[in-house]
Amino acid sequence: MKKSNWKLKLGIAMLILSLSTTPMILLTPFLHIDTKSKIAITTTLIIIGNVTFYSGGFLLGKELFTKYKARLNPRNWFKKKKKTQP
């Protein structure tokens, strides 16, 4: 069963959005606002990041989601790929 094009694009966009929340979380302590607001912003960003990540994964499907998840895992960034025999 072929996935529709808009689901694929929306799923990838949601994964990218979820990854962009992490730098925002790291920059939150340097804002010139009170502590309660910083806590609220950080909590909101964590929730938005998780919801968009898993929603994007749902739209992409299990196979594509696990493929992107493996690529985004820092432990797999510098591993050498195994050569396949024909």
PDB file of N, CA and C in Angstrom:
ATOM      1  N   MET A   1       0.833  -1.171   0.000  1.00  0.00           N
ATOM      2  CA  MET A   1       0.000   0.000   0.000  1.00  0.00           C
ATOM      3  C   MET A   1       0.885   1.245   0.000  1.00  0.00           C
ATOM      4  N   LYS A   2       0.697   2.093  -1.005  1.00  0.00           N
ATOM      5  CA  LYS A   2       1.526   3.277  -1.156  1.00  0.00           C
ATOM      6  C   LYS A   2       0.991   4.425  -0.314  1.00  0.00           C
ATOM      7  N   LYS A   3       1.896   5.131   0.358  1.00  0.00           N
ATOM      8  CA  LYS A   3       1.504   6.263   1.190  1.00  0.00           C
ATOM      9  C   LYS A   3       1.267   7.478   0.293  1.00  0.00           C
ATOM     10  N   SER A   4       0.290   8.285   0.678  1.00  0.00           N
ATOM     11  CA  SER A   4       0.047   9.492  -0.103  1.00  0.00           C
ATOM     12  C   SER A   4       1.183  10.480   0.143  1.00  0.00           C
ATOM     13  N   ASN A   5       1.419  11.317  -0.847  1.00  0.00           N
ATOM     14  CA  ASN A   5       2.560  12.230  -0.826  1.00  0.00           C
ATOM     15  C   ASN A   5       2.456  13.248   0.309  1.00  0.00           C
ATOM     16  N   TRP A   6       1.259  13.731   0.624  1.00  0.00           N
ATOM     17  CA  TRP A   6       1.131  14.743   1.658  1.00  0.00           C
ATOM     18  C   TRP A   6       1.426  14.173   3.038  1.00  0.00           C
ATOM     19  N   LYS A   7       1.123  12.890   3.245  1.00  0.00           N
ATOM     20  CA  LYS A   7       1.417  12.271   4.546  1.00  0.00           C
ATOM     21  C   LYS A   7       2.925  12.160   4.746  1.00  0.00           C
ATOM     22  N   LEU A   8       3.629  11.806   3.678  1.00  0.00           N
ATOM     23  CA  LEU A   8       5.082  11.684   3.763  1.00  0.00           C
ATOM     24  C   LEU A   8       5.715  13.044   4.063  1.00  0.00           C
ATOM     25  N   LYS A   9       5.300  14.070   3.338  1.00  0.00           N
ATOM     26  CA  LYS A   9       5.866  15.406   3.552  1.00  0.00           C
ATOM     27  C   LYS A   9       5.532  15.949   4.933  1.00  0.00           C
ATOM     28  N   LEU A  10       4.294  15.752   5.370  1.00  0.00           N
ATOM     29  CA  LEU A  10       3.892  16.221   6.693  1.00  0.00           C
ATOM     30  C   LEU A  10       4.642  15.473   7.796  1.00  0.00           C
ATOM     31  N   GLY A  11       4.830  14.166   7.622  1.00  0.00           N
ATOM     32  CA  GLY A  11       5.562  13.371   8.604  1.00  0.00           C
ATOM     33  C   GLY A  11       7.009  13.816   8.739  1.00  0.00           C
ATOM     34  N   ILE A  12       7.663  14.076   7.609  1.00  0.00           N
ATOM     35  CA  ILE A  12       9.057  14.543   7.639  1.00  0.00           C
ATOM     36  C   ILE A  12       9.129  15.933   8.254  1.00  0.00           C
ATOM     37  N   ALA A  13       8.174  16.805   7.913  1.00  0.00           N
ATOM     38  CA  ALA A  13       8.153  18.153   8.497  1.00  0.00           C
ATOM     39  C   ALA A  13       7.966  18.083  10.011  1.00  0.00           C
ATOM     40  N   MET A  14       7.132  17.157  10.472  1.00  0.00           N
ATOM     41  CA  MET A  14       6.920  17.025  11.916  1.00  0.00           C
ATOM     42  C   MET A  14       8.174  16.508  12.614  1.00  0.00           C
ATOM     43  N   LEU A  15       8.917  15.613  11.974  1.00  0.00           N
ATOM     44  CA  LEU A  15      10.176  15.152  12.561  1.00  0.00           C
ATOM     45  C   LEU A  15      11.182  16.294  12.652  1.00  0.00           C
ATOM     46  N   ILE A  16      11.249  17.111  11.616  1.00  0.00           N
ATOM     47  CA  ILE A  16      12.170  18.251  11.639  1.00  0.00           C
ATOM     48  C   ILE A  16      11.759  19.245  12.723  1.00  0.00           C
ATOM     49  N   LEU A  17      10.461  19.484  12.855  1.00  0.00           N
ATOM     50  CA  LEU A  17       9.972  20.384  13.909  1.00  0.00           C
ATOM     51  C   LEU A  17      10.330  19.849  15.293  1.00  0.00           C
ATOM     52  N   SER A  18      10.202  18.539  15.469  1.00  0.00           N
ATOM     53  CA  SER A  18      10.530  17.972  16.781  1.00  0.00           C
ATOM     54  C   SER A  18      12.011  18.121  17.094  1.00  0.00           C
ATOM     55  N   LEU A  19      12.855  18.057  16.071  1.00  0.00           N
ATOM     56  CA  LEU A  19      14.286  18.233  16.306  1.00  0.00           C
ATOM     57  C   LEU A  19      14.655  19.690  16.566  1.00  0.00           C
ATOM     58  N   SER A  20      13.856  20.606  16.062  1.00  0.00           N
ATOM     59  CA  SER A  20      14.174  22.021  16.279  1.00  0.00           C
ATOM     60  C   SER A  20      13.794  22.495  17.680  1.00  0.00           C
ATOM     61  N   THR A  21      13.017  21.711  18.408  1.00  0.00           N
ATOM     62  CA  THR A  21      12.661  22.119  19.770  1.00  0.00           C
ATOM     63  C   THR A  21      13.822  21.935  20.752  1.00  0.00           C
ATOM     64  N   THR A  22      14.727  21.020  20.466  1.00  0.00           N
ATOM     65  CA  THR A  22      15.849  20.763  21.379  1.00  0.00           C
ATOM     66  C   THR A  22      16.763  21.975  21.544  1.00  0.00           C
ATOM     67  N   PRO A  23      17.195  22.631  20.468  1.00  0.00           N
ATOM     68  CA  PRO A  23      18.017  23.839  20.687  1.00  0.00           C
ATOM     69  C   PRO A  23      17.267  24.942  21.431  1.00  0.00           C
ATOM     70  N   MET A  24      15.965  25.012  21.205  1.00  0.00           N
ATOM     71  CA  MET A  24      15.181  26.028  21.924  1.00  0.00           C
ATOM     72  C   MET A  24      15.157  25.739  23.422  1.00  0.00           C
ATOM     73  N   ILE A  25      15.101  24.454  23.783  1.00  0.00           N
ATOM     74  CA  ILE A  25      15.137  24.083  25.203  1.00  0.00           C
ATOM     75  C   ILE A  25      16.474  24.483  25.812  1.00  0.00           C
ATOM     76  N   LEU A  26      17.552  24.285  25.055  1.00  0.00           N
ATOM     77  CA  LEU A  26      18.875  24.623  25.568  1.00  0.00           C
ATOM     78  C   LEU A  26      19.088  26.126  25.697  1.00  0.00           C
ATOM     79  N   LEU A  27      18.374  26.908  24.906  1.00  0.00           N
ATOM     80  CA  LEU A  27      18.527  28.367  24.971  1.00  0.00           C
ATOM     81  C   LEU A  27      17.612  29.026  26.001  1.00  0.00           C
ATOM     82  N   THR A  28      16.628  28.309  26.483  1.00  0.00           N
ATOM     83  CA  THR A  28      15.656  28.874  27.420  1.00  0.00           C
ATOM     84  C   THR A  28      16.282  29.445  28.697  1.00  0.00           C
ATOM     85  N   PRO A  29      17.277  28.814  29.311  1.00  0.00           N
ATOM     86  CA  PRO A  29      17.833  29.393  30.551  1.00  0.00           C
ATOM     87  C   PRO A  29      18.473  30.763  30.362  1.00  0.00           C
ATOM     88  N   PHE A  30      18.826  31.126  29.131  1.00  0.00           N
ATOM     89  CA  PHE A  30      19.494  32.400  28.897  1.00  0.00           C
ATOM     90  C   PHE A  30      18.524  33.549  28.601  1.00  0.00           C
ATOM     91  N   LEU A  31      17.224  33.276  28.624  1.00  0.00           N
ATOM     92  CA  LEU A  31      16.235  34.323  28.417  1.00  0.00           C
ATOM     93  C   LEU A  31      16.130  35.195  29.658  1.00  0.00           C
ATOM     94  N   HIS A  32      15.785  36.444  29.465  1.00  0.00           N
ATOM     95  CA  HIS A  32      15.655  37.384  30.585  1.00  0.00           C
ATOM     96  C   HIS A  32      14.196  37.448  31.036  1.00  0.00           C
ATOM     97  N   ILE A  33      13.730  36.321  31.564  1.00  0.00           N
ATOM     98  CA  ILE A  33      12.368  36.231  32.100  1.00  0.00           C
ATOM     99  C   ILE A  33      12.437  35.512  33.448  1.00  0.00           C
ATOM    100  N   ASP A  34      11.327  35.500  34.160  1.00  0.00           N
ATOM    101  CA  ASP A  34      11.349  34.873  35.484  1.00  0.00           C
ATOM    102  C   ASP A  34      11.412  33.336  35.370  1.00  0.00           C
ATOM    103  N   THR A  35      11.744  32.714  36.474  1.00  0.00           N
ATOM    104  CA  THR A  35      11.985  31.276  36.510  1.00  0.00           C
ATOM    105  C   THR A  35      10.740  30.463  36.187  1.00  0.00           C
ATOM    106  N   LYS A  36       9.589  30.896  36.661  1.00  0.00           N
ATOM    107  CA  LYS A  36       8.350  30.165  36.392  1.00  0.00           C
ATOM    108  C   LYS A  36       8.059  30.112  34.892  1.00  0.00           C
ATOM    109  N   SER A  37       8.325  31.199  34.214  1.00  0.00           N
ATOM    110  CA  SER A  37       8.106  31.235  32.767  1.00  0.00           C
ATOM    111  C   SER A  37       9.091  30.320  32.046  1.00  0.00           C
ATOM    112  N   LYS A  38      10.324  30.280  32.507  1.00  0.00           N
ATOM    113  CA  LYS A  38      11.327  29.392  31.908  1.00  0.00           C
ATOM    114  C   LYS A  38      10.914  27.930  32.055  1.00  0.00           C
ATOM    115  N   ILE A  39      10.397  27.583  33.232  1.00  0.00           N
ATOM    116  CA  ILE A  39       9.945  26.210  33.472  1.00  0.00           C
ATOM    117  C   ILE A  39       8.767  25.873  32.571  1.00  0.00           C
ATOM    118  N   ALA A  40       7.843  26.802  32.433  1.00  0.00           N
ATOM    119  CA  ALA A  40       6.676  26.573  31.585  1.00  0.00           C
ATOM    120  C   ALA A  40       7.071  26.434  30.116  1.00  0.00           C
ATOM    121  N   ILE A  41       7.983  27.274  29.657  1.00  0.00           N
ATOM    122  CA  ILE A  41       8.439  27.208  28.268  1.00  0.00           C
ATOM    123  C   ILE A  41       9.160  25.893  28.005  1.00  0.00           C
ATOM    124  N   THR A  42      10.045  25.488  28.913  1.00  0.00           N
ATOM    125  CA  THR A  42      10.786  24.238  28.740  1.00  0.00           C
ATOM    126  C   THR A  42       9.843  23.042  28.720  1.00  0.00           C
ATOM    127  N   THR A  43       8.899  22.999  29.617  1.00  0.00           N
ATOM    128  CA  THR A  43       7.931  21.901  29.660  1.00  0.00           C
ATOM    129  C   THR A  43       7.112  21.850  28.374  1.00  0.00           C
ATOM    130  N   THR A  44       6.666  22.997  27.913  1.00  0.00           N
ATOM    131  CA  THR A  44       5.886  23.060  26.681  1.00  0.00           C
ATOM    132  C   THR A  44       6.697  22.576  25.489  1.00  0.00           C
ATOM    133  N   LEU A  45       7.953  22.992  25.404  1.00  0.00           N
ATOM    134  CA  LEU A  45       8.801  22.573  24.292  1.00  0.00           C
ATOM    135  C   LEU A  45       9.059  21.065  24.311  1.00  0.00           C
ATOM    136  N   ILE A  46       9.233  20.497  25.487  1.00  0.00           N
ATOM    137  CA  ILE A  46       9.436  19.050  25.586  1.00  0.00           C
ATOM    138  C   ILE A  46       8.195  18.304  25.119  1.00  0.00           C
ATOM    139  N   ILE A  47       7.028  18.765  25.543  1.00  0.00           N
ATOM    140  CA  ILE A  47       5.783  18.114  25.137  1.00  0.00           C
ATOM    141  C   ILE A  47       5.563  18.252  23.638  1.00  0.00           C
ATOM    142  N   ILE A  48       5.766  19.452  23.099  1.00  0.00           N
ATOM    143  CA  ILE A  48       5.603  19.661  21.655  1.00  0.00           C
ATOM    144  C   ILE A  48       6.581  18.800  20.868  1.00  0.00           C
ATOM    145  N   GLY A  49       7.825  18.711  21.328  1.00  0.00           N
ATOM    146  CA  GLY A  49       8.823  17.893  20.641  1.00  0.00           C
ATOM    147  C   GLY A  49       8.441  16.432  20.600  1.00  0.00           C
ATOM    148  N   ASN A  50       7.983  15.898  21.723  1.00  0.00           N
ATOM    149  CA  ASN A  50       7.599  14.487  21.756  1.00  0.00           C
ATOM    150  C   ASN A  50       6.348  14.206  20.935  1.00  0.00           C
ATOM    151  N   VAL A  51       5.361  15.063  21.044  1.00  0.00           N
ATOM    152  CA  VAL A  51       4.119  14.856  20.299  1.00  0.00           C
ATOM    153  C   VAL A  51       4.369  14.926  18.795  1.00  0.00           C
ATOM    154  N   THR A  52       5.132  15.914  18.347  1.00  0.00           N
ATOM    155  CA  THR A  52       5.393  16.015  16.904  1.00  0.00           C
ATOM    156  C   THR A  52       6.275  14.881  16.410  1.00  0.00           C
ATOM    157  N   PHE A  53       7.212  14.410  17.226  1.00  0.00           N
ATOM    158  CA  PHE A  53       8.070  13.304  16.808  1.00  0.00           C
ATOM    159  C   PHE A  53       7.249  12.032  16.591  1.00  0.00           C
ATOM    160  N   TYR A  54       6.425  11.697  17.552  1.00  0.00           N
ATOM    161  CA  TYR A  54       5.659  10.458  17.422  1.00  0.00           C
ATOM    162  C   TYR A  54       4.501  10.595  16.431  1.00  0.00           C
ATOM    163  N   SER A  55       3.939  11.779  16.285  1.00  0.00           N
ATOM    164  CA  SER A  55       2.905  11.982  15.267  1.00  0.00           C
ATOM    165  C   SER A  55       3.502  11.871  13.870  1.00  0.00           C
ATOM    166  N   GLY A  56       4.676  12.447  13.689  1.00  0.00           N
ATOM    167  CA  GLY A  56       5.366  12.310  12.408  1.00  0.00           C
ATOM    168  C   GLY A  56       5.714  10.865  12.118  1.00  0.00           C
ATOM    169  N   GLY A  57       6.113  10.138  13.145  1.00  0.00           N
ATOM    170  CA  GLY A  57       6.400   8.712  12.975  1.00  0.00           C
ATOM    171  C   GLY A  57       5.168   7.918  12.610  1.00  0.00           C
ATOM    172  N   PHE A  58       4.043   8.293  13.179  1.00  0.00           N
ATOM    173  CA  PHE A  58       2.787   7.622  12.843  1.00  0.00           C
ATOM    174  C   PHE A  58       2.423   7.861  11.381  1.00  0.00           C
ATOM    175  N   LEU A  59       2.627   9.090  10.906  1.00  0.00           N
ATOM    176  CA  LEU A  59       2.318   9.402   9.513  1.00  0.00           C
ATOM    177  C   LEU A  59       3.284   8.716   8.544  1.00  0.00           C
ATOM    178  N   LEU A  60       4.537   8.566   8.929  1.00  0.00           N
ATOM    179  CA  LEU A  60       5.516   7.948   8.044  1.00  0.00           C
ATOM    180  C   LEU A  60       5.391   6.431   7.997  1.00  0.00           C
ATOM    181  N   GLY A  61       4.907   5.856   9.039  1.00  0.00           N
ATOM    182  CA  GLY A  61       4.801   4.401   9.082  1.00  0.00           C
ATOM    183  C   GLY A  61       5.965   3.797   9.834  1.00  0.00           C
ATOM    184  N   LYS A  62       5.812   2.553  10.207  1.00  0.00           N
ATOM    185  CA  LYS A  62       6.798   1.886  11.060  1.00  0.00           C
ATOM    186  C   LYS A  62       8.160   1.758  10.380  1.00  0.00           C
ATOM    187  N   GLU A  63       8.190   1.341   9.132  1.00  0.00           N
ATOM    188  CA  GLU A  63       9.466   1.095   8.462  1.00  0.00           C
ATOM    189  C   GLU A  63      10.270   2.378   8.290  1.00  0.00           C
ATOM    190  N   LEU A  64       9.617   3.414   7.776  1.00  0.00           N
ATOM    191  CA  LEU A  64      10.305   4.675   7.550  1.00  0.00           C
ATOM    192  C   LEU A  64      10.654   5.363   8.864  1.00  0.00           C
ATOM    193  N   PHE A  65       9.798   5.233   9.860  1.00  0.00           N
ATOM    194  CA  PHE A  65      10.045   5.824  11.173  1.00  0.00           C
ATOM    195  C   PHE A  65      11.284   5.208  11.814  1.00  0.00           C
ATOM    196  N   THR A  66      11.424   3.895  11.773  1.00  0.00           N
ATOM    197  CA  THR A  66      12.605   3.250  12.367  1.00  0.00           C
ATOM    198  C   THR A  66      13.869   3.599  11.584  1.00  0.00           C
ATOM    199  N   LYS A  67      13.733   3.798  10.273  1.00  0.00           N
ATOM    200  CA  LYS A  67      14.885   4.187   9.462  1.00  0.00           C
ATOM    201  C   LYS A  67      15.386   5.573   9.876  1.00  0.00           C
ATOM    202  N   TYR A  68      14.470   6.548   9.990  1.00  0.00           N
ATOM    203  CA  TYR A  68      14.862   7.894  10.395  1.00  0.00           C
ATOM    204  C   TYR A  68      15.327   7.930  11.842  1.00  0.00           C
ATOM    205  N   LYS A  69      14.711   7.152  12.693  1.00  0.00           N
ATOM    206  CA  LYS A  69      15.094   7.112  14.101  1.00  0.00           C
ATOM    207  C   LYS A  69      16.524   6.592  14.245  1.00  0.00           C
ATOM    208  N   ALA A  70      16.888   5.584  13.434  1.00  0.00           N
ATOM    209  CA  ALA A  70      18.251   5.058  13.485  1.00  0.00           C
ATOM    210  C   ALA A  70      19.254   6.089  12.981  1.00  0.00           C
ATOM    211  N   ARG A  71      18.863   6.858  11.977  1.00  0.00           N
ATOM    212  CA  ARG A  71      19.772   7.884  11.446  1.00  0.00           C
ATOM    213  C   ARG A  71      19.943   9.046  12.412  1.00  0.00           C
ATOM    214  N   LEU A  72      18.932   9.336  13.202  1.00  0.00           N
ATOM    215  CA  LEU A  72      18.999  10.450  14.137  1.00  0.00           C
ATOM    216  C   LEU A  72      19.685  10.072  15.448  1.00  0.00           C
ATOM    217  N   ASN A  73      19.953   8.800  15.645  1.00  0.00           N
ATOM    218  CA  ASN A  73      20.603   8.342  16.868  1.00  0.00           C
ATOM    219  C   ASN A  73      22.106   8.650  16.775  1.00  0.00           C
ATOM    220  N   PRO A  74      22.666   9.449  17.688  1.00  0.00           N
ATOM    221  CA  PRO A  74      24.083   9.811  17.602  1.00  0.00           C
ATOM    222  C   PRO A  74      25.035   8.617  17.675  1.00  0.00           C
ATOM    223  N   ARG A  75      24.609   7.513  18.277  1.00  0.00           N
ATOM    224  CA  ARG A  75      25.477   6.337  18.349  1.00  0.00           C
ATOM    225  C   ARG A  75      25.736   5.733  16.975  1.00  0.00           C
ATOM    226  N   ASN A  76      24.856   5.978  16.009  1.00  0.00           N
ATOM    227  CA  ASN A  76      25.000   5.389  14.686  1.00  0.00           C
ATOM    228  C   ASN A  76      25.655   6.322  13.678  1.00  0.00           C
ATOM    229  N   TRP A  77      26.043   7.512  14.072  1.00  0.00           N
ATOM    230  CA  TRP A  77      26.557   8.484  13.124  1.00  0.00           C
ATOM    231  C   TRP A  77      27.910   8.100  12.540  1.00  0.00           C
ATOM    232  N   PHE A  78      28.785   7.492  13.313  1.00  0.00           N
ATOM    233  CA  PHE A  78      30.133   7.236  12.843  1.00  0.00           C
ATOM    234  C   PHE A  78      30.429   5.751  12.633  1.00  0.00           C
ATOM    235  N   LYS A  79      29.401   4.921  12.660  1.00  0.00           N
ATOM    236  CA  LYS A  79      29.601   3.506  12.408  1.00  0.00           C
ATOM    237  C   LYS A  79      29.798   3.266  10.921  1.00  0.00           C
ATOM    238  N   LYS A  80      30.675   2.336  10.605  1.00  0.00           N
ATOM    239  CA  LYS A  80      30.875   1.981   9.209  1.00  0.00           C
ATOM    240  C   LYS A  80      29.763   1.049   8.766  1.00  0.00           C
ATOM    241  N   LYS A  81      29.303   1.274   7.549  1.00  0.00           N
ATOM    242  CA  LYS A  81      28.259   0.427   7.013  1.00  0.00           C
ATOM    243  C   LYS A  81      28.858  -0.884   6.519  1.00  0.00           C
ATOM    244  N   LYS A  82      28.121  -1.970   6.751  1.00  0.00           N
ATOM    245  CA  LYS A  82      28.569  -3.275   6.295  1.00  0.00           C
ATOM    246  C   LYS A  82      28.332  -3.406   4.811  1.00  0.00           C
ATOM    247  N   LYS A  83      29.292  -3.992   4.113  1.00  0.00           N
ATOM    248  CA  LYS A  83      29.133  -4.214   2.689  1.00  0.00           C
ATOM    249  C   LYS A  83      28.322  -5.473   2.461  1.00  0.00           C
ATOM    250  N   THR A  84      27.402  -5.386   1.534  1.00  0.00           N
ATOM    251  CA  THR A  84      26.569  -6.548   1.236  1.00  0.00           C
ATOM    252  C   THR A  84      27.145  -7.307   0.060  1.00  0.00           C
ATOM    253  N   GLN A  85      27.066  -8.601   0.131  1.00  0.00           N
ATOM    254  CA  GLN A  85      27.558  -9.458  -0.939  1.00  0.00           C
ATOM    255  C   GLN A  85      26.450  -9.664  -1.968  1.00  0.00           C
ATOM    256  N   PRO A  86      26.766  -9.582  -3.281  1.00  0.00           N
ATOM    257  CA  PRO A  86      25.727  -9.801  -4.299  1.00  0.00           C
ATOM    258  C   PRO A  86      25.327 -11.236  -4.434  1.00  0.00           C
TER     259      PRO A  86
END
